[in-house]
Amino acid sequence: MEFLYEYGLFLAKAVTIVIAIAAVVIVILASAVKQKSDKGELKLTNLSEELKLLKHDLKEELLSKKQFKAYEKQLKADEKAKEKAEKNQTESPVEPRVFVIDFNGSIDAAEVASLREEISAILTIAEPGDEVVVNVESGGGMVHGYGLASSQLDRLRQADIPLTICVDKVAASGGYMMACVANKIYAAPFAIVGSIGVVAQIPNFNRLLKKHDIDYEQHTAGDFKRTLTVFGENTDEGREKFQKELEETHVLFKAFIAKYRPGLDIAKVATGEHWYGQQAIDLGLIDALSTSDDVVMQLAKDKTVIKVRYQLKKKLADKIAHGASMSLNALFNKLAEKNQPVS
């Protein structure tokens, strides 16, 4: 009986706490809905400085005190020589910069909203000698979404800013549509690229509806306002039109690839197949084998490498909901620990 009493008391407390927190969250969420969402913010990270600090820390850890002291002395001497050389110049030298962007694309390419802001920011401050590296990771998706993403990258090409694309894992279909805009494409040996094709899959429940005597009506103005439907009975005419539209999209896709990589044998690579980096270099789909890390580290030797990231600010409602979720999880973990048998 004592066990049941303690268990019931624990349960009552837990339910009371949950209800109280839920009530607070609901009130705050309701008020937050009325607020306008804050605009995102641009974050710049100096990767060159991070690499220098990493190197310095590793030297301090691995070298003897005498060796490290000599290393720091040489650093100071190099810095003084650099400052002296700059003073003797009539004009202050402008060190070229490399701006790095990450694009991890979803099916609808919603990330293009951030990509647009990042590219606009770079175009605002870019100087002659600057360049851009974009790390693309995407298996493709909606044509219009990736078409816009590719057009955003083309803004850099139009501004005569050298553009490099790095593919560590996958840039297929729409992802490769983006990659081909670059002046140079790097890919890891087993990264997946290509898949220059178009696909569409549509389920149809018409026979299931008929079996259960369910009618479905669809009214359109225009013979091909809808070609294939999910619930209606599809016709051969509709299928033929739908296939024609896919073929037309494929033609546009191939023309787009050929525009930026004229040396490609389009007939050979635009079959919808994908290839690994080692195969893609022989086909001309990429220019060299390398990871994005190696590309950035190589560029950092002579240029200042800056990572550019546009991040949407989380709404108050999102922050509160996340905080409440974490608090509830921590609370239940503590309660569970207290009610565990002890030896």
Protein backbone atom coordinates (compact mmCIF):
# COMPACT_ATOMS: atom_id res chain seq x y z
CA MET A 1 0.00 0.00 0.00
CA GLU A 2 2.85 2.39 0.85
CA PHE A 3 4.38 1.76 -2.60
CA LEU A 4 1.09 2.52 -4.34
CA TYR A 5 0.69 5.69 -2.28
CA GLU A 6 4.19 6.92 -3.18
CA TYR A 7 3.69 6.01 -6.82
CA GLY A 8 0.35 7.84 -6.94
CA LEU A 9 1.90 10.90 -5.31
CA PHE A 10 4.77 10.88 -7.82
CA LEU A 11 2.35 10.54 -10.72
CA ALA A 12 0.15 13.37 -9.45
CA LYS A 13 3.17 15.67 -9.07
CA ALA A 14 4.45 14.83 -12.52
CA VAL A 15 1.07 15.44 -14.18
CA THR A 16 0.65 18.72 -12.29
CA ILE A 17 4.09 19.95 -13.41
CA VAL A 18 3.44 18.95 -17.02
CA ILE A 19 0.07 20.74 -17.07
CA ALA A 20 1.56 23.86 -15.51
CA ILE A 21 4.43 24.02 -17.99
CA ALA A 22 2.12 23.29 -20.92
CA ALA A 23 -0.20 26.11 -19.85
CA VAL A 24 2.71 28.59 -19.70
CA VAL A 25 4.00 27.45 -23.09
CA ILE A 26 0.56 27.79 -24.70
CA VAL A 27 0.13 31.32 -23.37
CA ILE A 28 3.57 32.39 -24.59
CA LEU A 29 3.10 30.73 -27.97
CA ALA A 30 -0.23 32.45 -28.44
CA SER A 31 1.33 35.85 -27.80
CA ALA A 32 4.37 35.05 -29.93
CA VAL A 33 2.24 34.26 -32.97
CA LYS A 34 1.26 37.91 -33.11
CA GLN A 35 4.87 39.03 -33.27
CA LYS A 36 6.59 39.50 -36.59
CA SER A 37 9.42 37.08 -37.30
CA ASP A 38 12.88 38.61 -36.99
CA LYS A 39 15.04 38.79 -40.05
CA GLY A 40 18.06 36.51 -40.23
CA GLU A 41 21.63 37.54 -39.56
CA LEU A 42 24.86 37.13 -41.48
CA LYS A 43 27.72 35.40 -39.68
CA LEU A 44 31.33 35.64 -40.85
CA THR A 45 34.01 33.25 -39.60
CA ASN A 46 37.67 33.77 -40.42
CA LEU A 47 38.80 30.23 -41.24
CA SER A 48 42.36 31.40 -41.91
CA GLU A 49 42.67 32.66 -38.34
CA GLU A 50 41.18 29.43 -36.99
CA LEU A 51 43.77 27.40 -38.92
CA LYS A 52 46.58 29.62 -37.63
CA LEU A 53 45.39 29.20 -34.04
CA LEU A 54 45.11 25.44 -34.53
CA LYS A 55 48.64 25.27 -35.89
CA HIS A 56 49.93 27.41 -33.00
CA ASP A 57 48.23 25.22 -30.37
CA LEU A 58 49.55 22.03 -31.95
CA LYS A 59 53.08 23.43 -32.13
CA GLU A 60 52.90 24.38 -28.45
CA GLU A 61 51.72 20.89 -27.56
CA LEU A 62 54.16 18.90 -29.70
CA LEU A 63 57.38 20.95 -29.68
CA SER A 64 59.83 21.24 -26.83
CA LYS A 65 59.90 24.55 -24.96
CA LYS A 66 63.09 25.53 -26.76
CA GLN A 67 61.66 24.64 -30.18
CA PHE A 68 58.39 26.42 -29.50
CA LYS A 69 60.22 29.55 -28.32
CA ALA A 70 62.22 29.57 -31.57
CA TYR A 71 58.99 29.07 -33.54
CA GLU A 72 57.30 32.05 -31.87
CA LYS A 73 60.43 34.16 -32.41
CA GLN A 74 60.33 33.37 -36.12
CA LEU A 75 56.62 34.25 -36.26
CA LYS A 76 57.31 37.67 -34.76
CA ALA A 77 60.18 38.26 -37.17
CA ASP A 78 57.98 37.35 -40.14
CA GLU A 79 55.24 39.66 -38.89
CA LYS A 80 57.65 42.59 -38.51
CA ALA A 81 59.06 41.99 -41.99
CA LYS A 82 55.56 41.98 -43.40
CA GLU A 83 54.65 45.23 -41.64
CA LYS A 84 57.88 46.87 -42.87
CA ALA A 85 57.20 45.81 -46.45
CA GLU A 86 53.69 47.24 -46.26
CA LYS A 87 55.00 50.60 -44.95
CA ASN A 88 57.36 50.92 -47.90
CA GLN A 89 54.52 50.45 -50.38
CA THR A 90 52.70 53.53 -51.64
CA GLU A 91 49.37 51.76 -51.50
CA SER A 92 48.18 49.35 -48.85
CA PRO A 93 48.04 45.88 -50.39
CA VAL A 94 44.64 44.25 -50.41
CA GLU A 95 44.95 40.59 -49.51
CA PRO A 96 42.68 38.50 -51.73
CA ARG A 97 39.85 36.71 -49.96
CA VAL A 98 38.00 33.45 -50.44
CA PHE A 99 34.39 33.33 -49.31
CA VAL A 100 33.10 29.87 -48.38
CA ILE A 101 29.41 28.91 -48.43
CA ASP A 102 27.75 25.62 -47.45
CA PHE A 103 24.64 24.47 -49.31
CA ASN A 104 22.94 21.34 -47.96
CA GLY A 105 19.90 21.10 -50.19
CA SER A 106 16.54 19.53 -49.42
CA ILE A 107 14.00 18.28 -51.99
CA ASP A 108 12.36 21.69 -52.40
CA ALA A 109 15.70 23.58 -52.19
CA ALA A 110 14.29 25.80 -49.44
CA GLU A 111 17.90 26.62 -48.50
CA VAL A 112 18.06 28.89 -51.55
CA ALA A 113 16.60 31.67 -49.35
CA SER A 114 19.82 31.74 -47.29
CA LEU A 115 21.99 31.21 -50.38
CA ARG A 116 20.47 34.33 -51.94
CA GLU A 117 21.37 36.44 -48.90
CA GLU A 118 24.90 35.03 -48.72
CA ILE A 119 25.61 35.70 -52.39
CA SER A 120 24.11 39.20 -52.21
CA ALA A 121 26.38 39.98 -49.26
CA ILE A 122 29.46 38.72 -51.11
CA LEU A 123 28.61 40.72 -54.24
CA THR A 124 28.35 43.82 -52.07
CA ILE A 125 31.90 43.59 -50.71
CA ALA A 126 33.81 41.53 -53.32
CA GLU A 127 37.00 43.04 -54.72
CA PRO A 128 39.11 42.03 -57.73
CA GLY A 129 41.06 38.91 -56.81
CA ASP A 130 38.38 37.52 -54.49
CA GLU A 131 36.77 34.17 -55.18
CA VAL A 132 33.98 31.98 -53.83
CA VAL A 133 33.89 28.31 -52.81
CA VAL A 134 30.52 26.60 -52.38
CA ASN A 135 30.28 23.20 -50.72
CA VAL A 136 27.27 21.54 -52.34
CA GLU A 137 25.56 18.51 -50.86
CA SER A 138 22.29 17.51 -52.49
CA GLY A 139 20.67 14.62 -54.28
CA GLY A 140 18.43 17.02 -56.19
CA GLY A 141 14.74 17.79 -56.01
CA MET A 142 12.23 20.17 -57.52
CA VAL A 143 13.27 21.68 -60.83
CA HIS A 144 12.18 25.25 -60.08
CA GLY A 145 13.89 25.24 -56.67
CA TYR A 146 17.24 24.05 -57.98
CA GLY A 147 16.87 26.21 -61.06
CA LEU A 148 16.72 29.24 -58.79
CA ALA A 149 19.67 27.99 -56.72
CA SER A 150 21.73 27.61 -59.91
CA SER A 151 20.72 31.11 -61.00
CA GLN A 152 21.92 32.48 -57.67
CA LEU A 153 25.34 30.94 -58.29
CA ASP A 154 25.32 32.35 -61.80
CA ARG A 155 25.18 35.84 -60.29
CA LEU A 156 28.78 35.27 -59.21
CA ARG A 157 29.79 34.19 -62.69
CA GLN A 158 28.10 37.27 -64.16
CA ALA A 159 30.10 39.45 -61.77
CA ASP A 160 33.36 37.77 -62.93
CA ILE A 161 34.02 36.30 -59.49
CA PRO A 162 35.76 32.91 -59.80
CA LEU A 163 33.46 30.18 -58.46
CA THR A 164 34.58 26.78 -57.21
CA ILE A 165 32.19 23.98 -56.23
CA CYS A 166 33.27 21.21 -53.85
CA VAL A 167 31.36 17.95 -53.58
CA ASP A 168 32.27 15.76 -50.61
CA LYS A 169 29.31 13.37 -50.70
CA VAL A 170 26.71 13.99 -53.39
CA ALA A 171 25.73 16.55 -56.01
CA ALA A 172 23.28 14.73 -58.24
CA SER A 173 20.45 15.90 -60.49
CA GLY A 174 19.57 19.38 -59.17
CA GLY A 175 22.74 19.29 -57.08
CA TYR A 176 24.81 18.80 -60.22
CA MET A 177 22.78 21.50 -61.96
CA MET A 178 24.21 23.85 -59.32
CA ALA A 179 27.71 22.40 -59.52
CA CYS A 180 28.04 22.79 -63.28
CA VAL A 181 27.77 26.60 -62.96
CA ALA A 182 31.21 26.70 -61.34
CA ASN A 183 34.46 27.57 -63.05
CA LYS A 184 35.95 24.51 -61.40
CA ILE A 185 34.40 21.45 -59.74
CA TYR A 186 36.20 19.34 -57.14
CA ALA A 187 34.79 16.06 -55.85
CA ALA A 188 35.94 13.46 -53.35
CA PRO A 189 36.89 10.11 -54.93
CA PHE A 190 33.64 8.43 -53.88
CA ALA A 191 31.35 11.46 -54.07
CA ILE A 192 28.27 10.91 -56.26
CA VAL A 193 27.74 13.27 -59.19
CA GLY A 194 25.69 13.33 -62.37
CA SER A 195 22.16 11.91 -62.53
CA ILE A 196 21.30 14.31 -65.35
CA GLY A 197 17.72 13.22 -65.82
CA VAL A 198 14.13 13.94 -64.79
CA VAL A 199 11.82 11.69 -62.80
CA ALA A 200 8.23 11.94 -61.53
CA GLN A 201 6.23 9.36 -59.58
CA ILE A 202 2.50 9.67 -58.94
CA PRO A 203 0.36 7.13 -57.05
CA ASN A 204 -3.18 6.54 -58.28
CA PHE A 205 -6.04 5.41 -56.04
CA ASN A 206 -8.79 5.41 -58.65
CA ARG A 207 -9.39 1.64 -58.62
CA LEU A 208 -9.49 1.63 -54.81
CA LEU A 209 -12.12 4.38 -54.83
CA LYS A 210 -14.22 2.54 -57.42
CA LYS A 211 -14.02 -0.65 -55.37
CA HIS A 212 -15.61 1.17 -52.44
CA ASP A 213 -18.12 3.04 -54.60
CA ILE A 214 -16.50 6.41 -54.01
CA ASP A 215 -16.88 8.99 -56.75
CA TYR A 216 -14.17 11.53 -57.52
CA GLU A 217 -14.75 14.61 -59.62
CA GLN A 218 -12.21 17.03 -61.03
CA HIS A 219 -13.15 20.08 -63.06
CA THR A 220 -10.61 22.01 -65.13
CA ALA A 221 -10.56 24.65 -67.83
CA GLY A 222 -7.97 23.74 -70.42
CA ASP A 223 -7.31 20.31 -71.88
CA PHE A 224 -4.08 19.80 -70.02
CA LYS A 225 -4.56 21.77 -66.84
CA ARG A 226 -4.13 18.37 -65.19
CA THR A 227 -2.47 15.50 -67.03
CA LEU A 228 -2.18 12.76 -64.40
CA THR A 229 -4.13 12.75 -61.15
CA VAL A 230 -3.92 10.90 -57.85
CA PHE A 231 -7.61 10.04 -57.50
CA GLY A 232 -9.08 10.35 -60.98
CA GLU A 233 -8.88 7.86 -63.83
CA ASN A 234 -5.80 8.64 -65.90
CA THR A 235 -5.99 8.53 -69.70
CA ASP A 236 -3.42 7.54 -72.31
CA GLU A 237 -3.63 11.07 -73.66
CA GLY A 238 -2.80 12.47 -70.23
CA ARG A 239 0.10 10.05 -69.81
CA GLU A 240 1.49 10.99 -73.21
CA LYS A 241 1.31 14.70 -72.37
CA PHE A 242 2.95 14.13 -68.99
CA GLN A 243 5.80 12.17 -70.57
CA LYS A 244 6.24 14.91 -73.16
CA GLU A 245 6.60 17.48 -70.37
CA LEU A 246 9.27 15.34 -68.70
CA GLU A 247 11.17 15.07 -71.96
CA GLU A 248 11.00 18.83 -72.49
CA THR A 249 12.35 19.42 -69.00
CA HIS A 250 15.18 16.99 -69.72
CA VAL A 251 16.05 18.88 -72.90
CA LEU A 252 16.27 22.13 -70.92
CA PHE A 253 18.38 20.40 -68.26
CA LYS A 254 20.84 19.10 -70.85
CA ALA A 255 21.07 22.49 -72.54
CA PHE A 256 21.81 24.11 -69.19
CA ILE A 257 24.64 21.65 -68.45
CA ALA A 258 26.08 22.06 -71.97
CA LYS A 259 26.11 25.85 -71.58
CA TYR A 260 28.48 25.75 -68.61
CA ARG A 261 30.44 22.60 -69.52
CA PRO A 262 30.62 22.66 -73.32
CA GLY A 263 33.27 19.96 -73.42
CA LEU A 264 30.91 17.30 -72.05
CA ASP A 265 29.54 14.53 -74.21
CA ILE A 266 25.93 15.27 -73.21
CA ALA A 267 24.51 12.23 -74.98
CA LYS A 268 26.81 10.02 -72.91
CA VAL A 269 26.32 11.58 -69.47
CA ALA A 270 22.68 12.75 -69.61
CA THR A 271 21.19 9.27 -69.25
CA GLY A 272 20.08 9.75 -65.65
CA GLU A 273 23.01 7.67 -64.38
CA HIS A 274 25.27 8.78 -61.55
CA TRP A 275 29.02 8.28 -61.18
CA TYR A 276 31.60 8.36 -58.42
CA GLY A 277 34.24 11.05 -58.44
CA GLN A 278 36.93 8.77 -59.83
CA GLN A 279 34.71 7.94 -62.81
CA ALA A 280 33.33 11.47 -63.19
CA ILE A 281 36.73 13.01 -63.79
CA ASP A 282 37.26 10.79 -66.84
CA LEU A 283 33.84 11.79 -68.18
CA GLY A 284 34.53 15.48 -67.69
CA LEU A 285 31.77 15.95 -65.10
CA ILE A 286 34.32 17.31 -62.61
CA ASP A 287 37.77 18.89 -62.93
CA ALA A 288 39.77 17.37 -60.08
CA LEU A 289 39.62 14.97 -57.14
CA SER A 290 39.81 16.60 -53.73
CA THR A 291 37.86 17.14 -50.54
CA SER A 292 36.58 20.58 -49.60
CA ASP A 293 38.94 20.59 -46.60
CA ASP A 294 42.01 20.23 -48.80
CA VAL A 295 40.76 22.92 -51.18
CA VAL A 296 40.21 25.38 -48.34
CA MET A 297 43.52 24.63 -46.62
CA GLN A 298 45.39 25.13 -49.89
CA LEU A 299 43.67 28.46 -50.53
CA ALA A 300 44.33 29.60 -46.95
CA LYS A 301 48.09 29.54 -47.61
CA ASP A 302 47.90 32.66 -49.78
CA LYS A 303 44.47 34.14 -49.13
CA THR A 304 42.17 35.03 -46.27
CA VAL A 305 39.40 32.44 -46.13
CA ILE A 306 36.09 33.63 -44.69
CA LYS A 307 33.04 31.45 -44.15
CA VAL A 308 29.75 33.21 -44.88
CA ARG A 309 26.54 31.94 -43.33
CA TYR A 310 23.12 33.53 -43.31
CA GLN A 311 21.06 32.18 -40.43
CA LEU A 312 17.39 32.84 -39.89
CA LYS A 313 16.63 33.95 -36.37
CA LYS A 314 14.42 31.55 -34.48
CA LYS A 315 11.04 32.89 -33.49
CA LEU A 316 10.31 33.31 -29.81
CA ALA A 317 7.75 30.52 -30.08
CA ASP A 318 10.39 28.11 -31.42
CA LYS A 319 12.84 29.01 -28.65
CA ILE A 320 10.22 28.58 -25.93
CA ALA A 321 9.00 25.28 -27.34
CA HIS A 322 12.56 23.94 -27.57
CA GLY A 323 13.36 25.13 -24.04
CA ALA A 324 10.18 23.60 -22.64
CA SER A 325 10.92 20.30 -24.36
CA MET A 326 14.45 20.18 -22.92
CA SER A 327 13.16 21.11 -19.45
CA LEU A 328 10.50 18.41 -19.49
CA ASN A 329 13.03 15.83 -20.63
CA ALA A 330 15.46 16.79 -17.84
CA LEU A 331 12.63 16.76 -15.27
CA PHE A 332 11.46 13.26 -16.17
CA ASN A 333 15.04 11.99 -16.17
CA LYS A 334 15.56 13.30 -12.63
CA LEU A 335 12.26 11.85 -11.43
CA ALA A 336 13.11 8.51 -12.98
CA GLU A 337 16.50 8.51 -11.27
CA LYS A 338 14.93 9.23 -7.87
CA ASN A 339 12.53 6.31 -8.19
CA GLN A 340 15.17 3.79 -9.20
CA PRO A 341 15.89 1.08 -6.60
CA VAL A 342 19.18 1.57 -4.74
CA SER A 343 21.51 -1.09 -3.46
